[in-house]
Protein backbone atom coordinates (compact mmCIF):
# COMPACT_ATOMS: atom_id res chain seq x y z
CA MET A 1 -33.07 17.51 32.23
CA SER A 2 -32.99 16.59 28.89
CA GLU A 3 -29.79 16.31 26.82
CA PRO A 4 -28.48 19.80 24.92
CA THR A 5 -28.42 19.96 21.52
CA VAL A 6 -25.59 20.63 19.32
CA ALA A 7 -26.73 24.06 18.93
CA GLU A 8 -27.18 24.67 22.61
CA ALA A 9 -23.87 22.67 23.33
CA THR A 10 -21.98 24.98 21.04
CA ASP A 11 -23.20 28.10 22.53
CA SER A 12 -22.21 26.71 25.91
CA ILE A 13 -18.70 26.38 24.43
CA TYR A 14 -19.17 29.87 23.10
CA ALA A 15 -19.87 30.95 27.10
CA SER A 16 -17.01 28.93 28.66
CA LEU A 17 -14.90 30.42 26.30
CA GLN A 18 -15.96 33.84 27.52
CA ALA A 19 -15.64 32.78 31.00
CA ASN A 20 -11.71 32.17 30.67
CA ASN A 21 -13.22 28.58 30.06
CA ALA A 22 -15.25 27.45 32.60
CA ASP A 23 -16.19 24.28 32.36
CA ILE A 24 -14.90 23.91 29.04
CA ASP A 25 -14.14 19.94 29.25
CA ALA A 26 -17.57 19.45 30.10
CA HIS A 27 -19.10 21.42 27.51
CA ILE A 28 -16.87 20.08 24.69
CA ALA A 29 -17.99 16.28 26.30
CA ALA A 30 -22.01 17.26 26.07
CA LEU A 31 -21.10 18.54 22.35
CA LYS A 32 -19.68 15.06 21.51
CA ALA A 33 -22.60 13.29 22.94
CA ALA A 34 -24.76 16.08 21.02
CA LEU A 35 -22.74 15.10 17.69
CA THR A 36 -23.02 11.56 17.93
CA ARG A 37 -26.98 11.61 18.73
CA GLU A 38 -28.00 14.21 15.83
CA GLY A 39 -25.97 12.01 13.21
CA ILE A 40 -23.42 14.77 12.57
CA GLU A 41 -19.57 14.52 12.05
CA GLN A 42 -18.26 17.66 12.92
CA ALA A 43 -19.28 20.90 14.91
CA VAL A 44 -19.37 24.41 12.89
CA PHE A 45 -17.94 27.50 14.61
CA ASP A 46 -18.13 30.86 14.13
CA PRO A 47 -15.06 32.74 14.39
CA THR A 48 -16.20 35.56 15.25
CA ARG A 49 -17.57 34.30 18.50
CA LEU A 50 -14.14 32.51 19.48
CA ALA A 51 -12.00 33.80 22.47
CA GLN A 52 -8.86 35.90 20.99
CA THR A 53 -5.40 36.75 22.99
CA THR A 54 -4.05 39.73 22.58
CA VAL A 55 -0.17 38.92 22.28
CA ARG A 56 2.08 42.41 22.79
CA ALA A 57 5.22 42.28 22.05
CA ALA A 58 8.53 42.93 25.16
CA ASN A 59 9.83 46.55 24.47
């Protein structure tokens, strides 16, 4: 199995966020490794794909 690219690792993080952060630490580690391999300093995330929590005010 080959190491994931930055794009693949980023997609895995999005999927993890949708799955209640399942294996998020492993996906972040894979992203960090991919960034290093590809010589990229930072990852770019699409804010529309990030999980959002709805907070309700107590009555």
